[in-house]
Amino acid sequence: MKRWWMALWLIGYGVIKTEAQFYFYNDRYYAGNFVLEAGCSGGMINSLTDLGGRKGNGSRFLKDLNWSVSRPSYSVFLTGLFKEIFGVRIEFTTGKITSYDSLLKSPLSDLTQRYGRNLGFRSDITEIQLTSEFYPFSFKQFRENKISFWSAYILAGIGYFWFNPQASLNGAWYDLKPLRLEGQGFSEYSTHKTYQLQQINIPVGFGIKYELSACINTRFEIIHRLLFTDYLDDVSTVYIDPGLFDKYLSADQAELAKQLYCRIRNLPPGSNIQAGTARGDYKHNDAFFTIQLKISWVFREKIK
């Protein structure tokens, strides 16, 4: 008797497991519990740093975002999706960020602030990220011969990115980190630590997915990166004594650093800004984000 119960249990378990693993998407494909999705993206990238922004004294987050410095960004990704509810994705993204104080028009007489500061930068961004996707709800259209549907999702994870801030002088671009324009690593400025050009970030965002067919998806997605550095633009703390560049840098580097560390408009020739004057805002880290359209192929099993 026990053997019969065991046999029935095994048969029932097998049926349940099979039905859980495969259900019909349409008359050509199974949906399946787990599917792989691979695709590519194109869109824009922008940053929130100490430089540029919108006119006035500056505000936090999107209130200080200047859309005119948005630049193209591209990515490729691979996602594993479980039951259309939870996914894990690996993605590679590249782009270039830039901003400059000359975007602003300041009514203030203090030319050390924003527009008068007259600094600018650019940096290539390369990133690899591992994120999880969660679909809290979906809007499906169960109509004959029309299986396409909309679904919204949120995402979060961990990323690793490369950057390299540069500034332009006399038509040429120079890497800023080696020049240590805020005294990074100088004994006189022990709190100004040297930053790394490869760092961890925290990507968070949301998206909307639309299934064009059983195997083709499109997405609209916004991902914001929380950073652990304020040196995405090489600006964070204060102006330093320019005489220290000769102490710590080579002659060529010191000459270049003296021209790039302070570019205040209308500063009298031969004069220097007072050491300790604010150059950036060290209280808030920098950030960057992407807005992209994605297209992808879903690998589904065909019905035989």
C-alpha atoms as a PDB file:
ATOM      1  CA  MET A   1       0.000   0.000   0.000  1.00  0.00           C
ATOM      2  CA  LYS A   2       2.775   2.343   0.863  1.00  0.00           C
ATOM      3  CA  ARG A   3       4.350   1.698  -2.525  1.00  0.00           C
ATOM      4  CA  TRP A   4       1.151   2.790  -4.314  1.00  0.00           C
ATOM      5  CA  TRP A   5       0.989   5.997  -2.304  1.00  0.00           C
ATOM      6  CA  MET A   6       4.632   6.635  -3.074  1.00  0.00           C
ATOM      7  CA  ALA A   7       4.087   6.026  -6.794  1.00  0.00           C
ATOM      8  CA  LEU A   8       1.062   8.347  -6.903  1.00  0.00           C
ATOM      9  CA  TRP A   9       2.982  11.011  -5.014  1.00  0.00           C
ATOM     10  CA  LEU A  10       5.908  10.820  -7.445  1.00  0.00           C
ATOM     11  CA  ILE A  11       3.595  11.024 -10.469  1.00  0.00           C
ATOM     12  CA  GLY A  12       1.725  13.984  -9.006  1.00  0.00           C
ATOM     13  CA  TYR A  13       4.931  15.753  -8.086  1.00  0.00           C
ATOM     14  CA  GLY A  14       6.263  15.244 -11.596  1.00  0.00           C
ATOM     15  CA  VAL A  15       3.121  16.709 -13.180  1.00  0.00           C
ATOM     16  CA  ILE A  16       3.139  19.711 -10.876  1.00  0.00           C
ATOM     17  CA  LYS A  17       6.835  20.323 -11.462  1.00  0.00           C
ATOM     18  CA  THR A  18       6.451  20.056 -15.230  1.00  0.00           C
ATOM     19  CA  GLU A  19       3.517  22.453 -15.282  1.00  0.00           C
ATOM     20  CA  ALA A  20       5.432  24.875 -13.076  1.00  0.00           C
ATOM     21  CA  GLN A  21       8.448  24.824 -15.339  1.00  0.00           C
ATOM     22  CA  PHE A  22       6.611  25.243 -18.647  1.00  0.00           C
ATOM     23  CA  TYR A  23       3.410  26.968 -19.599  1.00  0.00           C
ATOM     24  CA  PHE A  24       2.307  28.176 -22.991  1.00  0.00           C
ATOM     25  CA  TYR A  25       3.254  31.678 -24.033  1.00  0.00           C
ATOM     26  CA  ASN A  26       1.459  31.203 -27.345  1.00  0.00           C
ATOM     27  CA  ASP A  27       1.074  28.407 -29.888  1.00  0.00           C
ATOM     28  CA  ARG A  28       4.798  28.564 -30.803  1.00  0.00           C
ATOM     29  CA  TYR A  29       6.692  29.121 -27.539  1.00  0.00           C
ATOM     30  CA  TYR A  30       6.720  28.035 -23.939  1.00  0.00           C
ATOM     31  CA  ALA A  31       7.019  30.809 -21.385  1.00  0.00           C
ATOM     32  CA  GLY A  32       8.917  28.787 -18.791  1.00  0.00           C
ATOM     33  CA  ASN A  33       9.869  29.548 -15.237  1.00  0.00           C
ATOM     34  CA  PHE A  34      13.285  30.854 -16.226  1.00  0.00           C
ATOM     35  CA  VAL A  35      14.277  32.668 -19.425  1.00  0.00           C
ATOM     36  CA  LEU A  36      17.376  34.470 -20.626  1.00  0.00           C
ATOM     37  CA  GLU A  37      17.194  37.900 -22.255  1.00  0.00           C
ATOM     38  CA  ALA A  38      20.093  39.601 -24.101  1.00  0.00           C
ATOM     39  CA  GLY A  39      20.059  43.082 -25.556  1.00  0.00           C
ATOM     40  CA  CYS A  40      21.634  46.450 -26.193  1.00  0.00           C
ATOM     41  CA  SER A  41      20.825  50.038 -25.231  1.00  0.00           C
ATOM     42  CA  GLY A  42      21.288  53.592 -26.393  1.00  0.00           C
ATOM     43  CA  GLY A  43      20.495  56.866 -24.714  1.00  0.00           C
ATOM     44  CA  MET A  44      22.063  59.674 -22.720  1.00  0.00           C
ATOM     45  CA  ILE A  45      24.329  60.105 -19.712  1.00  0.00           C
ATOM     46  CA  ASN A  46      24.597  63.113 -17.409  1.00  0.00           C
ATOM     47  CA  SER A  47      26.180  63.912 -14.057  1.00  0.00           C
ATOM     48  CA  LEU A  48      25.603  65.903 -10.889  1.00  0.00           C
ATOM     49  CA  THR A  49      28.913  67.322  -9.668  1.00  0.00           C
ATOM     50  CA  ASP A  50      30.318  70.523  -8.174  1.00  0.00           C
ATOM     51  CA  LEU A  51      30.731  72.083 -11.623  1.00  0.00           C
ATOM     52  CA  GLY A  52      28.131  73.569 -13.931  1.00  0.00           C
ATOM     53  CA  GLY A  53      24.509  73.028 -13.096  1.00  0.00           C
ATOM     54  CA  ARG A  54      21.820  75.673 -13.412  1.00  0.00           C
ATOM     55  CA  LYS A  55      22.086  79.398 -12.830  1.00  0.00           C
ATOM     56  CA  GLY A  56      21.908  80.841  -9.336  1.00  0.00           C
ATOM     57  CA  ASN A  57      23.478  79.564  -6.159  1.00  0.00           C
ATOM     58  CA  GLY A  58      22.820  75.916  -6.951  1.00  0.00           C
ATOM     59  CA  SER A  59      20.430  73.375  -5.504  1.00  0.00           C
ATOM     60  CA  ARG A  60      20.384  69.716  -4.602  1.00  0.00           C
ATOM     61  CA  PHE A  61      19.900  66.864  -7.057  1.00  0.00           C
ATOM     62  CA  LEU A  62      17.617  67.419 -10.090  1.00  0.00           C
ATOM     63  CA  LYS A  63      17.035  71.084  -9.242  1.00  0.00           C
ATOM     64  CA  ASP A  64      20.627  71.755 -10.305  1.00  0.00           C
ATOM     65  CA  LEU A  65      20.667  69.486 -13.361  1.00  0.00           C
ATOM     66  CA  ASN A  66      21.637  71.043 -16.693  1.00  0.00           C
ATOM     67  CA  TRP A  67      20.319  68.902 -19.569  1.00  0.00           C
ATOM     68  CA  SER A  68      22.452  70.677 -22.185  1.00  0.00           C
ATOM     69  CA  VAL A  69      25.570  68.703 -21.179  1.00  0.00           C
ATOM     70  CA  SER A  70      23.928  65.306 -21.703  1.00  0.00           C
ATOM     71  CA  ARG A  71      25.999  63.011 -23.901  1.00  0.00           C
ATOM     72  CA  PRO A  72      25.350  59.649 -25.651  1.00  0.00           C
ATOM     73  CA  SER A  73      25.667  56.392 -23.719  1.00  0.00           C
ATOM     74  CA  TYR A  74      25.530  52.761 -24.827  1.00  0.00           C
ATOM     75  CA  SER A  75      25.301  49.387 -23.122  1.00  0.00           C
ATOM     76  CA  VAL A  76      24.857  45.646 -23.612  1.00  0.00           C
ATOM     77  CA  PHE A  77      23.222  43.347 -21.074  1.00  0.00           C
ATOM     78  CA  LEU A  78      22.189  39.807 -20.212  1.00  0.00           C
ATOM     79  CA  THR A  79      19.269  39.088 -17.863  1.00  0.00           C
ATOM     80  CA  GLY A  80      18.000  35.910 -16.253  1.00  0.00           C
ATOM     81  CA  LEU A  81      14.277  36.287 -15.414  1.00  0.00           C
ATOM     82  CA  PHE A  82      12.363  33.992 -13.063  1.00  0.00           C
ATOM     83  CA  LYS A  83       8.579  33.730 -13.517  1.00  0.00           C
ATOM     84  CA  GLU A  84       8.421  37.275 -14.946  1.00  0.00           C
ATOM     85  CA  ILE A  85       8.800  38.555 -11.373  1.00  0.00           C
ATOM     86  CA  PHE A  86      12.468  38.595 -10.409  1.00  0.00           C
ATOM     87  CA  GLY A  87      15.555  38.992 -12.585  1.00  0.00           C
ATOM     88  CA  VAL A  88      19.319  39.233 -12.257  1.00  0.00           C
ATOM     89  CA  ARG A  89      21.202  41.256 -14.861  1.00  0.00           C
ATOM     90  CA  ILE A  90      24.801  41.926 -15.794  1.00  0.00           C
ATOM     91  CA  GLU A  91      25.374  45.038 -17.914  1.00  0.00           C
ATOM     92  CA  PHE A  92      28.293  46.891 -19.498  1.00  0.00           C
ATOM     93  CA  THR A  93      27.847  50.648 -20.072  1.00  0.00           C
ATOM     94  CA  THR A  94      30.016  53.335 -21.637  1.00  0.00           C
ATOM     95  CA  GLY A  95      29.654  57.081 -22.161  1.00  0.00           C
ATOM     96  CA  LYS A  96      31.225  60.491 -21.498  1.00  0.00           C
ATOM     97  CA  ILE A  97      30.226  63.108 -18.932  1.00  0.00           C
ATOM     98  CA  THR A  98      31.101  66.799 -18.958  1.00  0.00           C
ATOM     99  CA  SER A  99      30.174  70.085 -17.331  1.00  0.00           C
ATOM    100  CA  TYR A 100      31.574  73.579 -16.937  1.00  0.00           C
ATOM    101  CA  ASP A 101      30.856  76.698 -14.922  1.00  0.00           C
ATOM    102  CA  SER A 102      30.608  78.925 -17.992  1.00  0.00           C
ATOM    103  CA  LEU A 103      27.104  77.499 -18.538  1.00  0.00           C
ATOM    104  CA  LEU A 104      25.983  79.730 -15.681  1.00  0.00           C
ATOM    105  CA  LYS A 105      25.289  83.409 -15.430  1.00  0.00           C
ATOM    106  CA  SER A 106      25.754  84.664 -11.898  1.00  0.00           C
ATOM    107  CA  PRO A 107      24.390  87.996 -10.608  1.00  0.00           C
ATOM    108  CA  LEU A 108      26.735  87.764  -7.626  1.00  0.00           C
ATOM    109  CA  SER A 109      29.767  90.002  -7.361  1.00  0.00           C
ATOM    110  CA  ASP A 110      31.790  87.215  -5.728  1.00  0.00           C
ATOM    111  CA  LEU A 111      33.568  85.679  -8.706  1.00  0.00           C
ATOM    112  CA  THR A 112      34.791  82.702  -6.688  1.00  0.00           C
ATOM    113  CA  GLN A 113      31.256  81.256  -6.914  1.00  0.00           C
ATOM    114  CA  ARG A 114      30.127  79.021  -9.795  1.00  0.00           C
ATOM    115  CA  TYR A 115      30.183  81.172 -12.973  1.00  0.00           C
ATOM    116  CA  GLY A 116      33.154  83.209 -11.781  1.00  0.00           C
ATOM    117  CA  ARG A 117      35.039  80.085 -10.695  1.00  0.00           C
ATOM    118  CA  ASN A 118      35.249  79.184 -14.404  1.00  0.00           C
ATOM    119  CA  LEU A 119      36.223  75.505 -14.023  1.00  0.00           C
ATOM    120  CA  GLY A 120      35.204  72.650 -16.319  1.00  0.00           C
ATOM    121  CA  PHE A 121      35.855  68.965 -16.907  1.00  0.00           C
ATOM    122  CA  ARG A 122      35.131  65.918 -19.006  1.00  0.00           C
ATOM    123  CA  SER A 123      35.510  62.215 -18.233  1.00  0.00           C
ATOM    124  CA  ASP A 124      34.960  58.930 -19.997  1.00  0.00           C
ATOM    125  CA  ILE A 125      32.786  56.526 -18.014  1.00  0.00           C
ATOM    126  CA  THR A 126      33.030  52.747 -18.291  1.00  0.00           C
ATOM    127  CA  GLU A 127      30.928  50.597 -15.990  1.00  0.00           C
ATOM    128  CA  ILE A 128      30.009  46.989 -15.321  1.00  0.00           C
ATOM    129  CA  GLN A 129      27.094  46.360 -12.986  1.00  0.00           C
ATOM    130  CA  LEU A 130      25.220  43.446 -11.446  1.00  0.00           C
ATOM    131  CA  THR A 131      21.625  44.370 -10.626  1.00  0.00           C
ATOM    132  CA  SER A 132      18.403  42.675  -9.602  1.00  0.00           C
ATOM    133  CA  GLU A 133      15.058  43.500 -11.213  1.00  0.00           C
ATOM    134  CA  PHE A 134      11.743  43.230  -9.402  1.00  0.00           C
ATOM    135  CA  TYR A 135       8.355  43.416 -11.151  1.00  0.00           C
ATOM    136  CA  PRO A 136       5.785  44.299  -8.469  1.00  0.00           C
ATOM    137  CA  PHE A 137       2.931  44.161 -10.954  1.00  0.00           C
ATOM    138  CA  SER A 138       2.331  43.829 -14.669  1.00  0.00           C
ATOM    139  CA  PHE A 139      -0.376  44.840 -17.096  1.00  0.00           C
ATOM    140  CA  LYS A 140      -1.064  41.873 -19.349  1.00  0.00           C
ATOM    141  CA  GLN A 141      -3.436  41.826 -22.268  1.00  0.00           C
ATOM    142  CA  PHE A 142      -4.963  38.358 -22.572  1.00  0.00           C
ATOM    143  CA  ARG A 143      -6.383  38.569 -26.058  1.00  0.00           C
ATOM    144  CA  GLU A 144      -6.334  36.018 -28.791  1.00  0.00           C
ATOM    145  CA  ASN A 145      -3.296  36.444 -31.061  1.00  0.00           C
ATOM    146  CA  LYS A 146      -2.067  39.359 -28.933  1.00  0.00           C
ATOM    147  CA  ILE A 147       0.217  38.375 -26.083  1.00  0.00           C
ATOM    148  CA  SER A 148       2.233  41.637 -25.811  1.00  0.00           C
ATOM    149  CA  PHE A 149       2.160  43.355 -22.440  1.00  0.00           C
ATOM    150  CA  TRP A 150       3.500  46.263 -20.396  1.00  0.00           C
ATOM    151  CA  SER A 151       5.298  45.746 -17.113  1.00  0.00           C
ATOM    152  CA  ALA A 152       7.021  48.156 -14.732  1.00  0.00           C
ATOM    153  CA  TYR A 153      10.004  47.226 -12.588  1.00  0.00           C
ATOM    154  CA  ILE A 154      12.489  48.613 -10.100  1.00  0.00           C
ATOM    155  CA  LEU A 155      16.153  47.680  -9.924  1.00  0.00           C
ATOM    156  CA  ALA A 156      19.162  47.985  -7.632  1.00  0.00           C
ATOM    157  CA  GLY A 157      22.571  46.386  -7.355  1.00  0.00           C
ATOM    158  CA  ILE A 158      26.284  47.046  -7.329  1.00  0.00           C
ATOM    159  CA  GLY A 159      28.576  48.424 -10.019  1.00  0.00           C
ATOM    160  CA  TYR A 160      32.237  49.016 -10.694  1.00  0.00           C
ATOM    161  CA  PHE A 161      33.221  51.963 -12.856  1.00  0.00           C
ATOM    162  CA  TRP A 162      36.244  53.683 -14.367  1.00  0.00           C
ATOM    163  CA  PHE A 163      36.566  57.470 -14.797  1.00  0.00           C
ATOM    164  CA  ASN A 164      39.312  59.985 -15.540  1.00  0.00           C
ATOM    165  CA  PRO A 165      38.580  63.728 -15.130  1.00  0.00           C
ATOM    166  CA  GLN A 166      40.323  66.022 -17.617  1.00  0.00           C
ATOM    167  CA  ALA A 167      40.420  69.781 -18.197  1.00  0.00           C
ATOM    168  CA  SER A 168      41.160  71.787 -21.325  1.00  0.00           C
ATOM    169  CA  LEU A 169      43.974  74.341 -21.576  1.00  0.00           C
ATOM    170  CA  ASN A 170      44.980  76.088 -24.786  1.00  0.00           C
ATOM    171  CA  GLY A 171      43.158  73.528 -26.901  1.00  0.00           C
ATOM    172  CA  ALA A 172      44.680  70.435 -25.223  1.00  0.00           C
ATOM    173  CA  TRP A 173      43.171  68.100 -22.628  1.00  0.00           C
ATOM    174  CA  TYR A 174      45.071  67.091 -19.487  1.00  0.00           C
ATOM    175  CA  ASP A 175      44.457  64.370 -16.893  1.00  0.00           C
ATOM    176  CA  LEU A 176      43.742  66.056 -13.570  1.00  0.00           C
ATOM    177  CA  LYS A 177      44.378  63.383 -10.957  1.00  0.00           C
ATOM    178  CA  PRO A 178      48.218  63.380 -11.356  1.00  0.00           C
ATOM    179  CA  LEU A 179      48.267  67.164 -10.811  1.00  0.00           C
ATOM    180  CA  ARG A 180      46.667  66.904  -7.329  1.00  0.00           C
ATOM    181  CA  LEU A 181      45.065  70.325  -7.697  1.00  0.00           C
ATOM    182  CA  GLU A 182      43.590  70.286  -4.188  1.00  0.00           C
ATOM    183  CA  GLY A 183      46.713  69.002  -2.496  1.00  0.00           C
ATOM    184  CA  GLN A 184      45.725  65.331  -2.410  1.00  0.00           C
ATOM    185  CA  GLY A 185      48.531  63.488  -0.656  1.00  0.00           C
ATOM    186  CA  PHE A 186      50.347  66.668   0.435  1.00  0.00           C
ATOM    187  CA  SER A 187      51.375  66.587   4.084  1.00  0.00           C
ATOM    188  CA  GLU A 188      50.054  70.154   4.495  1.00  0.00           C
ATOM    189  CA  TYR A 189      46.575  68.863   3.552  1.00  0.00           C
ATOM    190  CA  SER A 190      46.449  65.509   5.320  1.00  0.00           C
ATOM    191  CA  THR A 191      42.650  65.290   5.056  1.00  0.00           C
ATOM    192  CA  HIS A 192      42.756  65.580   1.254  1.00  0.00           C
ATOM    193  CA  LYS A 193      43.119  61.927   0.298  1.00  0.00           C
ATOM    194  CA  THR A 194      44.186  60.689  -3.128  1.00  0.00           C
ATOM    195  CA  TYR A 195      41.196  59.228  -4.957  1.00  0.00           C
ATOM    196  CA  GLN A 196      41.035  56.112  -7.119  1.00  0.00           C
ATOM    197  CA  LEU A 197      39.951  56.146 -10.774  1.00  0.00           C
ATOM    198  CA  GLN A 198      38.220  52.767 -10.372  1.00  0.00           C
ATOM    199  CA  GLN A 199      35.485  52.595  -7.758  1.00  0.00           C
ATOM    200  CA  ILE A 200      32.328  50.827  -6.630  1.00  0.00           C
ATOM    201  CA  ASN A 201      28.942  52.467  -7.122  1.00  0.00           C
ATOM    202  CA  ILE A 202      25.330  51.650  -6.268  1.00  0.00           C
ATOM    203  CA  PRO A 203      22.948  51.720  -9.264  1.00  0.00           C
ATOM    204  CA  VAL A 204      19.252  52.216  -8.497  1.00  0.00           C
ATOM    205  CA  GLY A 205      16.456  52.902 -10.925  1.00  0.00           C
ATOM    206  CA  PHE A 206      13.235  51.898 -12.595  1.00  0.00           C
ATOM    207  CA  GLY A 207      11.986  50.946 -16.020  1.00  0.00           C
ATOM    208  CA  ILE A 208       9.004  50.040 -18.176  1.00  0.00           C
ATOM    209  CA  LYS A 209       9.122  46.980 -20.424  1.00  0.00           C
ATOM    210  CA  TYR A 210       6.898  46.258 -23.405  1.00  0.00           C
ATOM    211  CA  GLU A 211       6.840  42.895 -25.163  1.00  0.00           C
ATOM    212  CA  LEU A 212       6.668  43.391 -28.905  1.00  0.00           C
ATOM    213  CA  SER A 213       6.434  39.636 -29.387  1.00  0.00           C
ATOM    214  CA  ALA A 214       7.199  36.403 -27.613  1.00  0.00           C
ATOM    215  CA  CYS A 215      10.934  36.946 -28.152  1.00  0.00           C
ATOM    216  CA  ILE A 216      11.433  40.714 -28.550  1.00  0.00           C
ATOM    217  CA  ASN A 217      11.235  43.231 -25.687  1.00  0.00           C
ATOM    218  CA  THR A 218      11.721  46.979 -25.551  1.00  0.00           C
ATOM    219  CA  ARG A 219      12.451  48.970 -22.411  1.00  0.00           C
ATOM    220  CA  PHE A 220      12.630  52.567 -21.234  1.00  0.00           C
ATOM    221  CA  GLU A 221      14.931  52.817 -18.225  1.00  0.00           C
ATOM    222  CA  ILE A 222      16.475  55.362 -15.862  1.00  0.00           C
ATOM    223  CA  ILE A 223      19.395  54.319 -13.630  1.00  0.00           C
ATOM    224  CA  HIS A 224      20.984  56.639 -11.065  1.00  0.00           C
ATOM    225  CA  ARG A 225      24.434  55.831  -9.641  1.00  0.00           C
ATOM    226  CA  LEU A 226      25.196  56.604  -6.025  1.00  0.00           C
ATOM    227  CA  LEU A 227      28.941  57.230  -5.738  1.00  0.00           C
ATOM    228  CA  PHE A 228      31.431  57.123  -2.882  1.00  0.00           C
ATOM    229  CA  THR A 229      33.586  59.921  -4.301  1.00  0.00           C
ATOM    230  CA  ASP A 230      33.298  63.683  -4.715  1.00  0.00           C
ATOM    231  CA  TYR A 231      36.089  63.772  -7.310  1.00  0.00           C
ATOM    232  CA  LEU A 232      34.199  62.750 -10.446  1.00  0.00           C
ATOM    233  CA  ASP A 233      35.030  66.286 -11.670  1.00  0.00           C
ATOM    234  CA  ASP A 234      38.280  66.625  -9.621  1.00  0.00           C
ATOM    235  CA  VAL A 235      36.664  69.378  -7.539  1.00  0.00           C
ATOM    236  CA  SER A 236      35.702  68.934  -3.888  1.00  0.00           C
ATOM    237  CA  THR A 237      37.393  71.042  -1.199  1.00  0.00           C
ATOM    238  CA  VAL A 238      39.449  74.279  -1.202  1.00  0.00           C
ATOM    239  CA  TYR A 239      42.082  76.203  -3.111  1.00  0.00           C
ATOM    240  CA  ILE A 240      45.568  75.462  -1.832  1.00  0.00           C
ATOM    241  CA  ASP A 241      48.853  77.394  -1.730  1.00  0.00           C
ATOM    242  CA  PRO A 242      50.122  77.072  -5.355  1.00  0.00           C
ATOM    243  CA  GLY A 243      53.708  77.158  -4.117  1.00  0.00           C
ATOM    244  CA  LEU A 244      53.237  73.569  -2.916  1.00  0.00           C
ATOM    245  CA  PHE A 245      53.000  72.309  -6.489  1.00  0.00           C
ATOM    246  CA  ASP A 246      56.731  72.985  -6.887  1.00  0.00           C
ATOM    247  CA  LYS A 247      57.419  70.935  -3.757  1.00  0.00           C
ATOM    248  CA  TYR A 248      55.485  67.805  -4.741  1.00  0.00           C
ATOM    249  CA  LEU A 249      55.319  67.780  -8.558  1.00  0.00           C
ATOM    250  CA  SER A 250      57.785  67.815 -11.399  1.00  0.00           C
ATOM    251  CA  ALA A 251      58.553  71.190 -12.967  1.00  0.00           C
ATOM    252  CA  ASP A 252      56.281  70.544 -15.954  1.00  0.00           C
ATOM    253  CA  GLN A 253      53.444  69.251 -13.788  1.00  0.00           C
ATOM    254  CA  ALA A 254      53.781  72.152 -11.352  1.00  0.00           C
ATOM    255  CA  GLU A 255      53.557  74.717 -14.156  1.00  0.00           C
ATOM    256  CA  LEU A 256      50.463  73.018 -15.538  1.00  0.00           C
ATOM    257  CA  ALA A 257      48.852  72.687 -12.103  1.00  0.00           C
ATOM    258  CA  LYS A 258      49.286  76.407 -11.412  1.00  0.00           C
ATOM    259  CA  GLN A 259      47.309  77.181 -14.563  1.00  0.00           C
ATOM    260  CA  LEU A 260      44.525  74.689 -13.925  1.00  0.00           C
ATOM    261  CA  TYR A 261      43.900  74.785 -10.165  1.00  0.00           C
ATOM    262  CA  CYS A 262      42.456  78.323 -10.266  1.00  0.00           C
ATOM    263  CA  ARG A 263      40.804  79.870 -13.327  1.00  0.00           C
ATOM    264  CA  ILE A 264      38.735  82.589 -11.680  1.00  0.00           C
ATOM    265  CA  ARG A 265      37.487  85.229 -14.084  1.00  0.00           C
ATOM    266  CA  ASN A 266      39.012  88.739 -13.834  1.00  0.00           C
ATOM    267  CA  LEU A 267      41.604  87.698 -11.275  1.00  0.00           C
ATOM    268  CA  PRO A 268      44.398  90.304 -11.457  1.00  0.00           C
ATOM    269  CA  PRO A 269      47.489  88.986 -13.295  1.00  0.00           C
ATOM    270  CA  GLY A 270      50.084  87.518 -10.939  1.00  0.00           C
ATOM    271  CA  SER A 271      47.695  87.292  -8.001  1.00  0.00           C
ATOM    272  CA  ASN A 272      46.463  84.114  -6.325  1.00  0.00           C
ATOM    273  CA  ILE A 273      43.223  83.194  -4.641  1.00  0.00           C
ATOM    274  CA  GLN A 274      43.593  82.966  -0.865  1.00  0.00           C
ATOM    275  CA  ALA A 275      44.432  79.427   0.258  1.00  0.00           C
ATOM    276  CA  GLY A 276      41.489  77.830   2.074  1.00  0.00           C
ATOM    277  CA  THR A 277      38.824  79.534  -0.062  1.00  0.00           C
ATOM    278  CA  ALA A 278      36.092  77.068  -1.042  1.00  0.00           C
ATOM    279  CA  ARG A 279      36.659  75.461  -4.435  1.00  0.00           C
ATOM    280  CA  GLY A 280      33.923  72.797  -4.202  1.00  0.00           C
ATOM    281  CA  ASP A 281      31.353  71.290  -1.849  1.00  0.00           C
ATOM    282  CA  TYR A 282      32.861  68.336  -0.012  1.00  0.00           C
ATOM    283  CA  LYS A 283      29.639  67.626   1.907  1.00  0.00           C
ATOM    284  CA  HIS A 284      27.900  65.907  -1.006  1.00  0.00           C
ATOM    285  CA  ASN A 285      29.307  63.194  -3.253  1.00  0.00           C
ATOM    286  CA  ASP A 286      28.985  63.352  -7.029  1.00  0.00           C
ATOM    287  CA  ALA A 287      26.666  61.148  -9.086  1.00  0.00           C
ATOM    288  CA  PHE A 288      25.817  60.229 -12.654  1.00  0.00           C
ATOM    289  CA  PHE A 289      22.818  58.645 -14.350  1.00  0.00           C
ATOM    290  CA  THR A 290      21.661  57.216 -17.663  1.00  0.00           C
ATOM    291  CA  ILE A 291      18.344  57.347 -19.520  1.00  0.00           C
ATOM    292  CA  GLN A 292      18.168  54.660 -22.186  1.00  0.00           C
ATOM    293  CA  LEU A 293      15.968  52.801 -24.620  1.00  0.00           C
ATOM    294  CA  LYS A 294      16.687  49.072 -24.771  1.00  0.00           C
ATOM    295  CA  ILE A 295      15.830  46.302 -27.185  1.00  0.00           C
ATOM    296  CA  SER A 296      16.390  42.652 -26.407  1.00  0.00           C
ATOM    297  CA  TRP A 297      15.844  39.063 -27.499  1.00  0.00           C
ATOM    298  CA  VAL A 298      14.264  36.536 -25.122  1.00  0.00           C
ATOM    299  CA  PHE A 299      15.435  32.949 -25.482  1.00  0.00           C
ATOM    300  CA  ARG A 300      12.283  30.833 -25.224  1.00  0.00           C
ATOM    301  CA  GLU A 301      11.822  27.143 -25.918  1.00  0.00           C
ATOM    302  CA  LYS A 302       9.816  26.368 -29.047  1.00  0.00           C
ATOM    303  CA  ILE A 303       6.824  24.056 -28.920  1.00  0.00           C
ATOM    304  CA  LYS A 304       7.585  20.954 -30.977  1.00  0.00           C
END
